[in-house]
């Protein structure tokens, strides 16, 4: 229960940081930027399962479409990787889902 409260507090802090920043963290007009994002997510988060790879592809697509802020994805990615866990994807997935829910973005539909 304390872990969930901690993750929610971090998610709220990330949202506050995003609200203060203008624009996206990843140039959406650069085709290589989005491909680089997807590769960075799958490699840096040590994703192996096909469902997790598909989730990273969905996140990259939503950033490209402008429905999910790039800075939010960047900061969540960095937070998850810097936690020092062997497999950082679950923490990233949990926080991104919470933030997307808060923004009204559906991560489940293609």
N, C-alpha and C. Protein backbone atom coordinates (compact mmCIF):
# COMPACT_ATOMS: atom_id res chain seq x y z
N UNK A 1 0.83 -1.18 0.00
CA UNK A 1 0.00 0.00 0.00
C UNK A 1 0.88 1.26 0.00
N UNK A 2 1.98 1.19 0.76
CA UNK A 2 2.88 2.35 0.80
C UNK A 2 3.55 2.57 -0.55
N UNK A 3 3.81 1.46 -1.27
CA UNK A 3 4.43 1.56 -2.58
C UNK A 3 3.51 2.27 -3.57
N UNK A 4 2.24 1.93 -3.51
CA UNK A 4 1.27 2.56 -4.40
C UNK A 4 1.17 4.05 -4.09
N UNK A 5 1.14 4.39 -2.81
CA UNK A 5 1.07 5.79 -2.42
C UNK A 5 2.32 6.54 -2.90
N UNK A 6 3.48 5.89 -2.79
CA UNK A 6 4.71 6.52 -3.25
C UNK A 6 4.69 6.73 -4.77
N UNK A 7 4.24 5.72 -5.52
CA UNK A 7 4.17 5.86 -6.97
C UNK A 7 3.17 6.93 -7.38
N UNK A 8 2.06 7.02 -6.69
CA UNK A 8 1.09 8.07 -6.99
C UNK A 8 1.66 9.46 -6.68
N UNK A 9 2.40 9.56 -5.59
CA UNK A 9 3.02 10.85 -5.25
C UNK A 9 4.03 11.25 -6.32
N UNK A 10 4.79 10.29 -6.80
CA UNK A 10 5.76 10.58 -7.86
C UNK A 10 5.03 10.97 -9.14
N UNK A 11 3.94 10.28 -9.43
CA UNK A 11 3.17 10.60 -10.63
C UNK A 11 2.61 12.01 -10.56
N UNK A 12 2.15 12.41 -9.39
CA UNK A 12 1.63 13.77 -9.21
C UNK A 12 2.75 14.79 -9.35
N UNK A 13 3.90 14.47 -8.80
CA UNK A 13 5.04 15.38 -8.93
C UNK A 13 5.46 15.52 -10.39
N UNK A 14 5.44 14.41 -11.12
CA UNK A 14 5.77 14.48 -12.55
C UNK A 14 4.74 15.31 -13.30
N UNK A 15 3.49 15.19 -12.91
CA UNK A 15 2.43 15.97 -13.57
C UNK A 15 2.63 17.46 -13.30
N UNK A 16 3.01 17.81 -12.09
CA UNK A 16 3.24 19.21 -11.75
C UNK A 16 4.41 19.76 -12.55
N UNK A 17 5.45 18.95 -12.71
CA UNK A 17 6.60 19.37 -13.51
C UNK A 17 6.19 19.57 -14.96
N UNK A 18 5.37 18.67 -15.47
CA UNK A 18 4.90 18.77 -16.86
C UNK A 18 4.05 20.02 -17.05
N UNK A 19 3.26 20.36 -16.07
CA UNK A 19 2.39 21.54 -16.19
C UNK A 19 3.22 22.82 -16.27
N UNK A 20 4.38 22.83 -15.64
CA UNK A 20 5.23 24.02 -15.67
C UNK A 20 6.03 24.14 -16.96
N UNK A 21 6.22 23.03 -17.66
CA UNK A 21 7.02 23.04 -18.88
C UNK A 21 6.12 23.24 -20.09
N UNK A 22 6.61 23.96 -21.05
CA UNK A 22 5.84 24.18 -22.28
C UNK A 22 6.37 23.28 -23.38
N UNK A 23 5.49 22.79 -24.22
CA UNK A 23 5.89 21.99 -25.37
C UNK A 23 6.21 20.56 -25.00
N UNK A 24 6.62 19.79 -26.01
CA UNK A 24 6.96 18.39 -25.80
C UNK A 24 8.46 18.22 -25.67
N UNK A 25 8.87 17.14 -25.04
CA UNK A 25 10.28 16.88 -24.86
C UNK A 25 10.94 16.26 -26.07
N UNK A 26 10.14 15.71 -26.98
CA UNK A 26 10.67 15.04 -28.14
C UNK A 26 10.10 15.73 -29.37
N UNK A 27 10.91 16.14 -30.31
CA UNK A 27 10.38 16.77 -31.51
C UNK A 27 9.48 15.79 -32.25
N UNK A 28 8.23 16.15 -32.41
CA UNK A 28 7.28 15.24 -33.02
C UNK A 28 7.38 15.24 -34.54
N UNK A 29 8.03 16.22 -35.12
CA UNK A 29 8.14 16.30 -36.57
C UNK A 29 9.32 15.51 -37.10
N UNK A 30 10.22 15.09 -36.24
CA UNK A 30 11.39 14.34 -36.67
C UNK A 30 11.07 12.85 -36.67
N UNK A 31 11.03 12.23 -37.84
CA UNK A 31 10.71 10.80 -37.88
C UNK A 31 11.68 9.95 -37.07
N UNK A 32 12.95 10.29 -37.07
CA UNK A 32 13.94 9.53 -36.32
C UNK A 32 13.77 9.67 -34.83
N UNK A 33 13.18 10.78 -34.38
CA UNK A 33 12.99 10.99 -32.95
C UNK A 33 12.03 9.99 -32.34
N UNK A 34 10.94 9.71 -33.05
CA UNK A 34 9.96 8.78 -32.52
C UNK A 34 10.48 7.36 -32.58
N UNK A 35 11.14 7.00 -33.67
CA UNK A 35 11.74 5.66 -33.76
C UNK A 35 12.79 5.53 -32.67
N UNK A 36 13.57 6.58 -32.46
CA UNK A 36 14.55 6.56 -31.39
C UNK A 36 13.91 6.41 -30.02
N UNK A 37 12.74 7.02 -29.84
CA UNK A 37 12.04 6.90 -28.56
C UNK A 37 11.62 5.46 -28.32
N UNK A 38 11.03 4.83 -29.32
CA UNK A 38 10.58 3.45 -29.16
C UNK A 38 11.75 2.52 -28.86
N UNK A 39 12.84 2.71 -29.59
CA UNK A 39 14.03 1.90 -29.35
C UNK A 39 14.61 2.15 -27.96
N UNK A 40 14.62 3.43 -27.56
CA UNK A 40 15.15 3.77 -26.24
C UNK A 40 14.30 3.15 -25.14
N UNK A 41 12.99 3.19 -25.31
CA UNK A 41 12.10 2.60 -24.30
C UNK A 41 12.32 1.10 -24.19
N UNK A 42 12.32 0.40 -25.33
CA UNK A 42 12.45 -1.05 -25.28
C UNK A 42 13.83 -1.49 -24.78
N UNK A 43 14.87 -0.74 -25.15
CA UNK A 43 16.21 -1.10 -24.71
C UNK A 43 16.46 -0.69 -23.26
N UNK A 44 16.18 0.56 -22.95
CA UNK A 44 16.47 1.09 -21.61
C UNK A 44 15.63 0.47 -20.52
N UNK A 45 14.39 0.10 -20.85
CA UNK A 45 13.50 -0.50 -19.85
C UNK A 45 13.64 -2.02 -19.83
N UNK A 46 14.53 -2.54 -20.67
CA UNK A 46 14.83 -3.98 -20.74
C UNK A 46 13.59 -4.81 -21.03
N UNK A 47 12.86 -4.37 -22.03
CA UNK A 47 11.61 -5.02 -22.40
C UNK A 47 11.90 -6.26 -23.23
N UNK A 48 11.24 -7.37 -22.90
CA UNK A 48 11.41 -8.61 -23.63
C UNK A 48 10.07 -9.20 -24.10
N UNK A 49 9.05 -9.09 -23.32
CA UNK A 49 7.75 -9.68 -23.65
C UNK A 49 7.10 -8.92 -24.81
N UNK A 50 6.47 -9.64 -25.72
CA UNK A 50 5.83 -8.99 -26.88
C UNK A 50 4.77 -7.96 -26.47
N UNK A 51 4.04 -8.21 -25.41
CA UNK A 51 3.03 -7.25 -24.96
C UNK A 51 3.68 -5.96 -24.47
N UNK A 52 4.84 -6.08 -23.82
CA UNK A 52 5.55 -4.90 -23.34
C UNK A 52 6.16 -4.11 -24.50
N UNK A 53 6.64 -4.81 -25.51
CA UNK A 53 7.17 -4.14 -26.71
C UNK A 53 6.04 -3.37 -27.39
N UNK A 54 4.86 -4.00 -27.47
CA UNK A 54 3.70 -3.33 -28.07
C UNK A 54 3.30 -2.10 -27.26
N UNK A 55 3.41 -2.17 -25.93
CA UNK A 55 3.09 -1.03 -25.08
C UNK A 55 4.04 0.13 -25.37
N UNK A 56 5.33 -0.16 -25.51
CA UNK A 56 6.31 0.88 -25.83
C UNK A 56 6.02 1.50 -27.20
N UNK A 57 5.62 0.67 -28.15
CA UNK A 57 5.27 1.17 -29.48
C UNK A 57 4.04 2.09 -29.40
N UNK A 58 3.07 1.72 -28.57
CA UNK A 58 1.88 2.55 -28.39
C UNK A 58 2.23 3.89 -27.77
N UNK A 59 3.10 3.88 -26.76
CA UNK A 59 3.52 5.12 -26.12
C UNK A 59 4.22 6.02 -27.14
N UNK A 60 5.12 5.45 -27.95
CA UNK A 60 5.83 6.24 -28.96
C UNK A 60 4.84 6.81 -29.99
N UNK A 61 3.85 6.01 -30.38
CA UNK A 61 2.85 6.50 -31.34
C UNK A 61 2.04 7.64 -30.76
N UNK A 62 1.66 7.54 -29.48
CA UNK A 62 0.89 8.61 -28.85
C UNK A 62 1.69 9.89 -28.72
N UNK A 63 3.00 9.77 -28.51
CA UNK A 63 3.87 10.95 -28.48
C UNK A 63 3.92 11.57 -29.87
N UNK A 64 4.08 10.73 -30.88
CA UNK A 64 4.13 11.22 -32.26
C UNK A 64 2.83 11.94 -32.65
N UNK A 65 1.70 11.40 -32.20
CA UNK A 65 0.40 12.01 -32.50
C UNK A 65 0.13 13.25 -31.65
N UNK A 66 0.95 13.48 -30.64
CA UNK A 66 0.76 14.65 -29.80
C UNK A 66 -0.28 14.46 -28.70
N UNK A 67 -0.70 13.23 -28.49
CA UNK A 67 -1.71 12.96 -27.47
C UNK A 67 -1.09 12.72 -26.10
N UNK A 68 0.19 12.37 -26.08
CA UNK A 68 0.91 12.14 -24.83
C UNK A 68 2.16 13.02 -24.86
N UNK A 69 2.36 13.88 -23.85
CA UNK A 69 3.51 14.79 -23.86
C UNK A 69 4.85 14.04 -23.82
N UNK A 70 5.75 14.42 -24.71
CA UNK A 70 7.05 13.80 -24.77
C UNK A 70 7.87 13.99 -23.50
N UNK A 71 7.75 15.15 -22.89
CA UNK A 71 8.50 15.41 -21.66
C UNK A 71 8.03 14.50 -20.52
N UNK A 72 6.75 14.19 -20.51
CA UNK A 72 6.21 13.27 -19.50
C UNK A 72 6.81 11.89 -19.69
N UNK A 73 6.87 11.42 -20.93
CA UNK A 73 7.44 10.11 -21.21
C UNK A 73 8.94 10.11 -20.87
N UNK A 74 9.64 11.16 -21.26
CA UNK A 74 11.07 11.26 -20.95
C UNK A 74 11.35 11.22 -19.46
N UNK A 75 10.62 12.03 -18.70
CA UNK A 75 10.88 12.11 -17.26
C UNK A 75 10.51 10.80 -16.57
N UNK A 76 9.43 10.16 -17.00
CA UNK A 76 9.04 8.88 -16.41
C UNK A 76 10.06 7.80 -16.75
N UNK A 77 10.54 7.82 -17.98
CA UNK A 77 11.57 6.86 -18.40
C UNK A 77 12.82 7.02 -17.54
N UNK A 78 13.29 8.26 -17.41
CA UNK A 78 14.50 8.51 -16.62
C UNK A 78 14.31 8.10 -15.16
N UNK A 79 13.15 8.41 -14.61
CA UNK A 79 12.87 8.04 -13.22
C UNK A 79 12.91 6.52 -13.06
N UNK A 80 12.27 5.79 -13.97
CA UNK A 80 12.21 4.33 -13.86
C UNK A 80 13.59 3.71 -14.00
N UNK A 81 14.40 4.23 -14.92
CA UNK A 81 15.73 3.67 -15.14
C UNK A 81 16.66 4.00 -13.97
N UNK A 82 16.55 5.20 -13.44
CA UNK A 82 17.45 5.62 -12.36
C UNK A 82 17.12 4.99 -11.01
N UNK A 83 16.01 4.30 -10.93
CA UNK A 83 15.66 3.63 -9.67
C UNK A 83 16.64 2.51 -9.35
N UNK A 84 17.37 2.04 -10.37
CA UNK A 84 18.39 1.03 -10.14
C UNK A 84 17.84 -0.39 -10.07
N UNK A 85 16.63 -0.59 -10.52
CA UNK A 85 16.05 -1.94 -10.53
C UNK A 85 16.57 -2.73 -11.73
N UNK A 86 16.54 -4.03 -11.61
CA UNK A 86 17.01 -4.88 -12.68
C UNK A 86 16.08 -4.80 -13.90
N UNK A 87 14.79 -4.66 -13.66
CA UNK A 87 13.79 -4.60 -14.72
C UNK A 87 12.89 -3.39 -14.47
N UNK A 88 13.21 -2.24 -15.07
CA UNK A 88 12.48 -1.00 -14.76
C UNK A 88 11.13 -0.84 -15.46
N UNK A 89 10.77 -1.73 -16.38
CA UNK A 89 9.54 -1.54 -17.15
C UNK A 89 8.26 -1.48 -16.31
N UNK A 90 8.07 -2.35 -15.31
CA UNK A 90 6.81 -2.29 -14.55
C UNK A 90 6.54 -0.92 -13.91
N UNK A 91 7.56 -0.31 -13.35
CA UNK A 91 7.37 1.01 -12.73
C UNK A 91 7.02 2.04 -13.79
N UNK A 92 7.72 2.01 -14.93
CA UNK A 92 7.42 2.93 -16.03
C UNK A 92 5.98 2.75 -16.50
N UNK A 93 5.59 1.51 -16.72
CA UNK A 93 4.25 1.22 -17.21
C UNK A 93 3.18 1.72 -16.24
N UNK A 94 3.40 1.48 -14.96
CA UNK A 94 2.41 1.89 -13.95
C UNK A 94 2.22 3.41 -13.95
N UNK A 95 3.32 4.14 -13.94
CA UNK A 95 3.24 5.60 -13.86
C UNK A 95 2.70 6.19 -15.16
N UNK A 96 3.13 5.67 -16.31
CA UNK A 96 2.62 6.18 -17.59
C UNK A 96 1.13 5.93 -17.71
N UNK A 97 0.67 4.76 -17.28
CA UNK A 97 -0.77 4.47 -17.32
C UNK A 97 -1.54 5.44 -16.42
N UNK A 98 -1.00 5.71 -15.23
CA UNK A 98 -1.67 6.65 -14.32
C UNK A 98 -1.71 8.05 -14.91
N UNK A 99 -0.61 8.49 -15.51
CA UNK A 99 -0.57 9.82 -16.09
C UNK A 99 -1.47 9.93 -17.32
N UNK A 100 -1.48 8.89 -18.15
CA UNK A 100 -2.34 8.89 -19.33
C UNK A 100 -3.81 8.91 -18.90
N UNK A 101 -4.11 8.19 -17.87
CA UNK A 101 -5.48 8.19 -17.34
C UNK A 101 -5.87 9.59 -16.88
N UNK A 102 -4.94 10.26 -16.20
CA UNK A 102 -5.20 11.61 -15.72
C UNK A 102 -5.41 12.58 -16.87
N UNK A 103 -4.69 12.35 -17.98
CA UNK A 103 -4.82 13.20 -19.16
C UNK A 103 -5.99 12.81 -20.06
N UNK A 104 -6.62 11.68 -19.76
CA UNK A 104 -7.73 11.21 -20.59
C UNK A 104 -7.29 10.51 -21.85
N UNK A 105 -6.07 9.97 -21.85
CA UNK A 105 -5.54 9.25 -23.02
C UNK A 105 -5.70 7.76 -22.77
N UNK A 106 -6.29 7.07 -23.74
CA UNK A 106 -6.49 5.62 -23.62
C UNK A 106 -5.30 4.90 -24.24
N UNK A 107 -4.57 4.15 -23.43
CA UNK A 107 -3.40 3.43 -23.92
C UNK A 107 -3.75 2.05 -24.48
N UNK A 108 -4.98 1.61 -24.31
CA UNK A 108 -5.34 0.26 -24.70
C UNK A 108 -5.80 0.14 -26.14
N UNK A 109 -6.32 1.21 -26.75
CA UNK A 109 -6.82 1.12 -28.12
C UNK A 109 -5.74 1.53 -29.11
N UNK A 110 -5.66 0.86 -30.26
CA UNK A 110 -4.62 1.20 -31.24
C UNK A 110 -4.88 2.45 -32.00
